[in-house]
Amino acid sequence: GEQREWGAKAWTYLSSVRSLSPLIQCITNFVSMDLTANTLLSAGASPAMLHSPNESPDFTPQVNALYINVGTLSDTWLPAMELAAQLASKLNKPWVLDPVAAGASRFRLKACLDLISLKPTVIRGNASEIIALAKASFPSTKGVDSSHDSTDAVEAAKSLANSNGAVVAVSGAVDFVTDGNRIVGARNGVPMMQKITATGCAVTALIAAFVATDPSHAMEATASALAVFGVAGELGMETARGPASLRTHLIDSLHGLDQTAVISGVKITAI
């Protein structure tokens, strides 16, 4: 049925990443650099952790996708992010934004809104981040509950998607992905993944790699990346003894995923 179709789709994306080895420029936070690069490598992509504005004009035109994460945002990094995003947009290359802790400060919220104005292909955040961005974009938005479960953020995600033309993904117990019209839910993963710093950052980089192989189907690529990463977490958990070993097994599982594991393991359904 629908699950197997999605499983087959997800396998196609992972296979494409492995065969095409897309080059992904990552301007990400200090905490996540290591896990992000290793996640991309284990999935078959090529990470490039370049963030100098002096390099982007030469380098960004060569990449297959750009990933921007504001986790450890600073005054010097923001112009570099904006420049790379401008180049990606101008050259029609997909780029993906992770608006970490978007509502934590005015500086961070404004930075995220400025980046969103540069038309990311995909925005992936948790419920609180997506709600903060939607509220800032539409101050009059009513009816968004503040308990910040990912289901509460669906309306916020839809309005964000509709106003910016981005695919918006909300991570939670169920990951929701919307293009403003359709919504799908991905139900893979294990709670222990939340005890490992930067798993959210890493899966957003994986989204960039999947989207790089098929930019015209960003919604399908995003849902597939979330589910595949979740399946790797489920398999890793079988032998993990806690967060540190899960981190190791997660990378190993992602590297070793085969067709059977993906097609039988992926849990994506239309909502």
Protein backbone atom coordinates (compact mmCIF):
# COMPACT_ATOMS: atom_id res chain seq x y z
CA GLY A 1 0.00 0.00 0.00
CA GLU A 2 0.90 3.62 0.63
CA GLN A 3 3.65 2.73 3.15
CA ARG A 4 5.47 0.47 0.69
CA GLU A 5 5.20 3.06 -2.06
CA TRP A 6 6.85 5.60 0.24
CA GLY A 7 9.41 2.98 1.23
CA ALA A 8 10.29 2.45 -2.42
CA LYS A 9 10.48 6.21 -2.94
CA ALA A 10 12.77 6.63 0.08
CA TRP A 11 15.01 3.83 -1.18
CA THR A 12 15.25 5.56 -4.57
CA TYR A 13 16.38 8.79 -2.87
CA LEU A 14 18.98 7.05 -0.71
CA SER A 15 20.26 5.11 -3.74
CA SER A 16 20.52 8.37 -5.72
CA VAL A 17 22.52 10.02 -2.95
CA ARG A 18 24.85 7.01 -2.89
CA SER A 19 25.35 6.98 -6.64
CA LEU A 20 25.46 10.75 -7.30
CA SER A 21 27.31 11.74 -4.11
CA PRO A 22 25.87 15.29 -4.13
CA LEU A 23 28.14 18.04 -2.84
CA ILE A 24 26.46 19.78 0.10
CA GLN A 25 27.78 23.08 1.45
CA CYS A 26 27.07 23.21 5.18
CA ILE A 27 27.14 26.45 7.11
CA THR A 28 26.21 24.89 10.40
CA ASN A 29 26.83 25.32 14.10
CA PHE A 30 29.97 24.36 16.00
CA VAL A 31 28.13 21.71 18.03
CA SER A 32 26.83 19.89 14.97
CA MET A 33 29.67 20.06 12.46
CA ASP A 34 31.09 16.63 13.23
CA LEU A 35 27.80 14.70 13.28
CA THR A 36 26.50 16.60 10.24
CA ALA A 37 29.56 15.80 8.14
CA ASN A 38 29.59 12.15 9.25
CA THR A 39 25.86 11.74 8.55
CA LEU A 40 26.31 13.07 5.01
CA LEU A 41 29.34 10.86 4.41
CA SER A 42 27.63 7.73 5.74
CA ALA A 43 24.63 8.41 3.49
CA GLY A 44 26.92 8.72 0.47
CA ALA A 45 26.97 12.52 0.06
CA SER A 46 29.96 14.88 0.10
CA PRO A 47 29.97 17.49 2.88
CA ALA A 48 31.85 20.79 2.51
CA MET A 49 31.96 22.82 5.70
CA LEU A 50 32.73 26.17 4.08
CA HIS A 51 31.50 29.39 5.61
CA SER A 52 33.80 32.21 4.54
CA PRO A 53 32.05 34.91 2.48
CA ASN A 54 35.33 35.11 0.54
CA GLU A 55 34.91 31.52 -0.62
CA SER A 56 31.20 31.33 -1.35
CA PRO A 57 31.30 33.24 -4.67
CA ASP A 58 33.71 30.61 -6.06
CA PHE A 59 32.37 27.59 -4.23
CA THR A 60 28.59 27.84 -3.82
CA PRO A 61 28.00 27.78 -7.62
CA GLN A 62 29.63 24.30 -7.66
CA VAL A 63 27.47 22.69 -4.98
CA ASN A 64 24.35 20.55 -5.43
CA ALA A 65 22.65 21.97 -2.34
CA LEU A 66 23.29 24.37 0.54
CA TYR A 67 22.44 23.77 4.19
CA ILE A 68 22.26 26.65 6.67
CA ASN A 69 21.86 26.19 10.43
CA VAL A 70 21.77 29.13 12.87
CA GLY A 71 22.53 27.14 16.02
CA THR A 72 25.65 29.05 17.07
CA LEU A 73 24.80 32.23 15.20
CA SER A 74 27.22 35.17 15.33
CA ASP A 75 27.50 38.60 13.75
CA THR A 76 30.26 37.41 11.44
CA TRP A 77 28.46 34.29 10.27
CA LEU A 78 25.15 35.87 9.33
CA PRO A 79 26.44 37.78 6.26
CA ALA A 80 28.15 34.58 5.09
CA MET A 81 24.87 32.70 5.39
CA GLU A 82 22.97 35.41 3.55
CA LEU A 83 25.53 35.55 0.75
CA ALA A 84 25.50 31.79 0.23
CA ALA A 85 21.68 31.70 0.30
CA GLN A 86 21.50 34.55 -2.23
CA LEU A 87 23.85 32.69 -4.56
CA ALA A 88 21.93 29.43 -4.19
CA SER A 89 18.61 31.15 -4.90
CA LYS A 90 20.02 33.02 -7.88
CA LEU A 91 21.46 29.84 -9.37
CA ASN A 92 18.31 27.78 -8.64
CA LYS A 93 20.14 25.45 -6.30
CA PRO A 94 18.12 23.97 -3.46
CA TRP A 95 18.91 25.29 -0.01
CA VAL A 96 17.65 24.18 3.37
CA LEU A 97 17.29 26.19 6.58
CA ASP A 98 17.38 24.93 10.17
CA PRO A 99 16.12 27.89 12.29
CA VAL A 100 17.51 26.64 15.62
CA ALA A 101 15.89 28.33 18.65
CA ALA A 102 14.34 30.91 16.31
CA GLY A 103 12.40 32.57 19.13
CA ALA A 104 15.26 32.73 21.65
CA SER A 105 16.32 36.30 20.89
CA ARG A 106 15.38 39.21 18.64
CA PHE A 107 18.71 38.90 16.83
CA ARG A 108 18.09 35.24 16.03
CA LEU A 109 14.46 35.71 15.03
CA LYS A 110 15.31 38.57 12.67
CA ALA A 111 18.21 36.58 11.20
CA CYS A 112 15.88 33.65 10.50
CA LEU A 113 13.24 35.88 8.92
CA ASP A 114 15.91 37.55 6.75
CA LEU A 115 17.14 34.14 5.62
CA ILE A 116 13.57 32.98 4.90
CA SER A 117 13.13 36.03 2.66
CA LEU A 118 15.91 34.49 0.50
CA LYS A 119 13.52 31.63 -0.36
CA PRO A 120 14.77 28.40 1.17
CA THR A 121 13.57 25.23 -0.57
CA VAL A 122 12.95 23.57 2.80
CA ILE A 123 12.66 24.85 6.37
CA ARG A 124 12.96 22.18 9.07
CA GLY A 125 12.51 22.95 12.76
CA ASN A 126 10.83 21.76 15.91
CA ALA A 127 7.32 22.90 16.83
CA SER A 128 8.45 25.90 18.91
CA GLU A 129 10.75 27.17 16.15
CA ILE A 130 8.13 26.89 13.41
CA ILE A 131 5.48 28.54 15.60
CA ALA A 132 7.87 31.41 16.48
CA LEU A 133 8.58 32.02 12.79
CA ALA A 134 4.91 31.88 11.80
CA LYS A 135 3.91 34.25 14.62
CA ALA A 136 6.62 36.72 13.63
CA SER A 137 5.52 36.52 9.98
CA PHE A 138 1.81 36.72 10.81
CA PRO A 139 1.44 38.49 14.18
CA SER A 140 -2.33 38.11 14.07
CA THR A 141 -2.24 34.32 13.76
CA LYS A 142 -4.70 32.90 16.27
CA GLY A 143 -5.35 29.42 17.46
CA VAL A 144 -1.80 28.10 17.56
CA ASP A 145 -1.56 26.28 20.85
CA SER A 146 1.54 26.94 22.92
CA SER A 147 2.12 23.43 24.23
CA HIS A 148 4.26 23.09 21.11
CA ASP A 149 3.65 19.53 20.18
CA SER A 150 4.42 19.00 16.48
CA THR A 151 0.68 18.62 15.76
CA ASP A 152 0.08 22.17 17.08
CA ALA A 153 2.62 23.48 14.64
CA VAL A 154 0.95 22.08 11.53
CA GLU A 155 -1.14 25.20 10.90
CA ALA A 156 1.92 27.39 11.52
CA ALA A 157 3.89 25.23 9.09
CA LYS A 158 1.19 25.50 6.43
CA SER A 159 1.03 29.29 6.64
CA LEU A 160 4.84 29.51 6.52
CA ALA A 161 4.92 27.21 3.49
CA ASN A 162 2.19 29.14 1.69
CA SER A 163 3.73 32.55 2.27
CA ASN A 164 7.28 31.57 1.35
CA GLY A 165 6.86 28.79 -1.20
CA ALA A 166 8.99 26.51 0.98
CA VAL A 167 8.40 22.96 2.07
CA VAL A 168 8.17 23.10 5.88
CA ALA A 169 9.02 20.15 8.12
CA VAL A 170 8.19 20.03 11.83
CA SER A 171 10.11 17.47 13.86
CA GLY A 172 8.51 15.70 16.79
CA ALA A 173 7.27 12.25 17.81
CA VAL A 174 5.71 12.39 14.34
CA ASP A 175 7.58 14.50 11.78
CA PHE A 176 5.17 16.53 9.65
CA VAL A 177 6.03 17.79 6.19
CA THR A 178 3.86 20.22 4.23
CA ASP A 179 4.03 22.25 1.04
CA GLY A 180 1.17 24.41 2.31
CA ASN A 181 -1.39 22.15 0.71
CA ARG A 182 -0.51 18.48 1.23
CA ILE A 183 0.69 17.13 4.59
CA VAL A 184 2.51 13.88 5.26
CA GLY A 185 3.65 12.39 8.55
CA ALA A 186 6.84 10.37 9.06
CA ARG A 187 6.74 8.15 12.14
CA ASN A 188 10.26 6.74 12.32
CA GLY A 189 12.92 7.16 14.99
CA VAL A 190 13.44 6.43 18.69
CA PRO A 191 13.15 8.81 21.68
CA MET A 192 16.83 8.28 22.60
CA MET A 193 17.81 10.22 19.45
CA GLN A 194 16.70 13.37 21.30
CA LYS A 195 19.43 12.72 23.88
CA ILE A 196 22.14 13.09 21.24
CA THR A 197 23.03 16.67 20.43
CA ALA A 198 22.77 17.66 16.76
CA THR A 199 20.61 14.80 15.47
CA GLY A 200 18.13 17.44 14.27
CA CYS A 201 20.94 19.35 12.56
CA ALA A 202 22.21 16.14 10.98
CA VAL A 203 18.83 15.10 9.59
CA THR A 204 18.38 18.58 8.07
CA ALA A 205 21.68 18.10 6.24
CA LEU A 206 20.41 14.72 5.04
CA ILE A 207 17.28 16.48 3.75
CA ALA A 208 19.55 18.79 1.73
CA ALA A 209 21.30 15.76 0.22
CA PHE A 210 18.01 14.05 -0.70
CA VAL A 211 16.57 17.26 -2.17
CA ALA A 212 19.78 17.76 -4.17
CA THR A 213 19.03 14.58 -6.13
CA ASP A 214 15.49 15.67 -7.07
CA PRO A 215 14.88 19.39 -6.40
CA SER A 216 11.48 19.45 -8.10
CA HIS A 217 10.06 17.02 -5.52
CA ALA A 218 11.32 18.65 -2.34
CA MET A 219 8.39 17.48 -0.23
CA GLU A 220 8.89 13.78 -1.09
CA ALA A 221 12.65 14.08 -0.63
CA THR A 222 12.21 15.76 2.78
CA ALA A 223 9.78 13.16 4.12
CA SER A 224 12.02 10.38 2.81
CA ALA A 225 15.13 11.80 4.48
CA LEU A 226 13.35 12.14 7.83
CA ALA A 227 12.07 8.57 7.64
CA VAL A 228 15.39 7.07 6.50
CA PHE A 229 17.26 8.80 9.33
CA GLY A 230 14.61 7.50 11.73
CA VAL A 231 14.97 3.95 10.43
CA ALA A 232 18.74 4.18 10.97
CA GLY A 233 18.02 5.28 14.55
CA GLU A 234 15.66 2.35 15.11
CA LEU A 235 18.21 -0.14 13.84
CA GLY A 236 20.99 1.53 15.83
CA MET A 237 18.93 1.33 19.00
CA GLU A 238 18.82 -2.47 18.78
CA THR A 239 22.45 -2.64 19.89
CA ALA A 240 22.97 0.75 21.58
CA ARG A 241 23.43 1.06 25.34
CA GLY A 242 22.71 4.78 25.58
CA PRO A 243 23.09 8.07 23.68
CA ALA A 244 26.83 7.80 23.01
CA SER A 245 26.69 4.32 21.53
CA LEU A 246 23.47 5.16 19.67
CA ARG A 247 25.31 8.00 17.94
CA THR A 248 27.89 5.50 16.70
CA HIS A 249 25.34 2.86 15.71
CA LEU A 250 23.14 5.46 13.99
CA ILE A 251 25.97 6.42 11.64
CA ASP A 252 26.81 2.75 11.04
CA SER A 253 23.16 1.87 10.38
CA LEU A 254 22.69 4.74 7.94
CA HIS A 255 25.78 3.61 6.06
CA GLY A 256 24.58 0.01 5.94
CA LEU A 257 20.88 0.48 5.14
CA ASP A 258 19.70 -1.88 2.45
CA GLN A 259 16.61 -1.98 0.29
CA THR A 260 14.71 -4.39 2.55
CA ALA A 261 15.33 -2.32 5.69
CA VAL A 262 14.19 0.89 4.00
CA ILE A 263 11.14 -0.47 2.18
CA SER A 264 9.87 -2.43 5.17
CA GLY A 265 10.88 0.16 7.78
CA VAL A 266 9.79 3.53 6.40
CA LYS A 267 6.55 4.79 7.99
CA ILE A 268 5.21 7.73 5.97
CA THR A 269 1.50 8.41 5.45
CA ALA A 270 -0.58 11.25 4.05
CA ILE A 271 -2.44 13.15 6.78
